Every structure is written in C-alpha cells, then in structure tokens.
C-alpha cells in the first residue's frame, strides 16, 4: 500500500489525476503524448503514474485512438512445425508491441466456411495475418475485405508481387535447389523427391527448385512421389521408393516426411546413408536427434512470423509503406543422413 491508499495494481486514471492535482482528461492527454500539456504538469502527472504504478489499459487506449491493438492470424493448421513457428514469431513480435493475438482456424477449404471465418476475424477489428500455404489459406487471403489491413505468409511467388499484395515468404525454391545440388555433388545419379501438397499451384516451389537442379546437372528427372504433411505420408512414399534398387538419394518436402521415409528404409533393410541418402526440409527440432541425424534445409519460420507482424504493424500504425518482401535466406544443414552412393 502506498501513501495515497491505493495498491499499485488497482490505481486508475482518476487516482493519478487526484494525486497530481489535475483532471483525468489532462492525465489522458499526457498518456497519449498530447502537445498542449505544460512541461511542469506533464512531469507531475508522470511522477504520479510512477508512484501509483498505473498501467494504461490497452483496450481503452485503442478506443481513444480509434484503432484496435489486436491482430488475428488465420491458418488451417496450428501443429505442424512451420505453421506453429510462424504463430510463435507473430506472438513474440505482437507482445513486444503490446498487441494481442487471436487465432482463427480454417477448418475447411469450402468457400462459404472460409468466407465466414474471414468475416468473423474482420469483425474483431485490427488487422489480419493469413498463412496461405494450403488451399484454405489461399482462399482466405483472397476473401479479405478491401480496406482491411492484411499480410499474407505465402509460398515463394513465381514473380515479384505488386505493392498492393503485402506478402512475406522464404525462398523455398532456392532451398530445394541447394539441397538437391548437395545430394548430386556426392555422386548420386539423380535425386528422388517426396512432395508436400501445394496450396497455390500444381507444382510447388520446392518441387520447382528440385527440378531446376536436376535439369542443370543433366540428371534424370524421376516422377515426384506425392506425400502429405506428416510421417505417415513419408512412410508410405518410402516403402514405394525402397522397392527400387536404383534409388540412392531422396529429398523430402519436410522433415516429418523424412522421418517416415527413414523408418520405411529401415524396415526394407536399406541402410541410411550406406545405400540411400535422405534429406529433409525445414530443420524441425527433432531432425538433429534422429538416427542418423537428418541433413535438411533450415528456414527461419519464427523470423517469418515476426516479419509478417512488422509489416502489418507498419500498416496499422501508418508508420511505413507496405511493400512485399522475402525473409531470410535458406541454410543447408549437412548431417549424417547424406553421403556418397554405394560403389
């Protein structure tokens, strides 16, 4: 309890006004940085705020400014590594800027369901971040009402987007290209690919990077094996590839697929990397602790989430122009699962 009789956690704007000997409207002007307050009065109010431990109510401040200090992230998934890491990055950056974050889950790619979820998010005010890695996310990004601040987290665009498309992305194409080149450099005749689904096109950017590396090397271009997002899809694809003795190198569209592929190769009696080299994608936390540890491509999804919020924050605060941009360069992480092909 302090000398005014108020606990530090319960002080209100009127308590501050009484302690400073001013009106509560004056306290509000000081809090909001209004220039019409005399310096001596400002200092007295700030001293009272410090003495009472007064904290601004973020909701009241947002109402006073005519804007909501909140963002909503629309996503079809909250569990897979990339999605979850993006959410983590958004939350970290928003918390530092005293914004709150809500999550709207796109449970279906059905147009009516997506539009309804977008409208619910829009009704909350603030801005939107849409993770558009899948059909539901892509449809949601297209359904955002005009005039509502929004940032899309997207696959690598085929060409540079215009300024009216505030998007962020990592260079998946370059990452797949580098991983494929690494496997080819070890002496493998070609590299087979287990693909993740694409939300925006028939051939994902990861598939495109893999194909580009094969073409430049003049290597055979095997048909991609379509996987899913998780280990079960990788296991099924791995069993199919393990039956072909000519398969000596496999690139997987994410580390969860690679986990399933490694299990399938083990069951088929094809040692990694003695007979088959395997590389993943994303550098999920478990990839360094598999046996063998997984060669993969590291993408900074958490940084991507931070950048998405920074772009949206600039729009909400009207402090910077909105321009689309990529975020961070991929990094090849070489571990035990890749090696030279059998003699």
Foldseek 3Di string as FASTA:
>chain_A
DDPLPAALVPDDLCNLCVQLVHHSVLLVCLVVVPPPDDPVSSVSSVVSCVRSNDDDDQQVVCVVVVAALEEEEEEQDCPFDLNVLLVLLQCVLSVVVVGYYHYQHQPDLPLVSLLVSLVVRVVVGAAYEFEQFAQSSVSNVVNHDPPGQYEYAFADDPDFDDLVHQYEYAQLLCFLLVVQLVQVVQPQLGEEEAAEDGHPDRAGSSNVSRVVNCVVVVGDDDDHHYAYRALVRLLVVLLVVLVDQSAAEYEYAAVRSQNNNQVNCVVSVNDFNAAHAYAHEAPDVCQCVDVQRHWYKHDNSSVRSNVRNVLSVCVSVVPDRRGYDYDDHIDTDDTRRGHHHHD
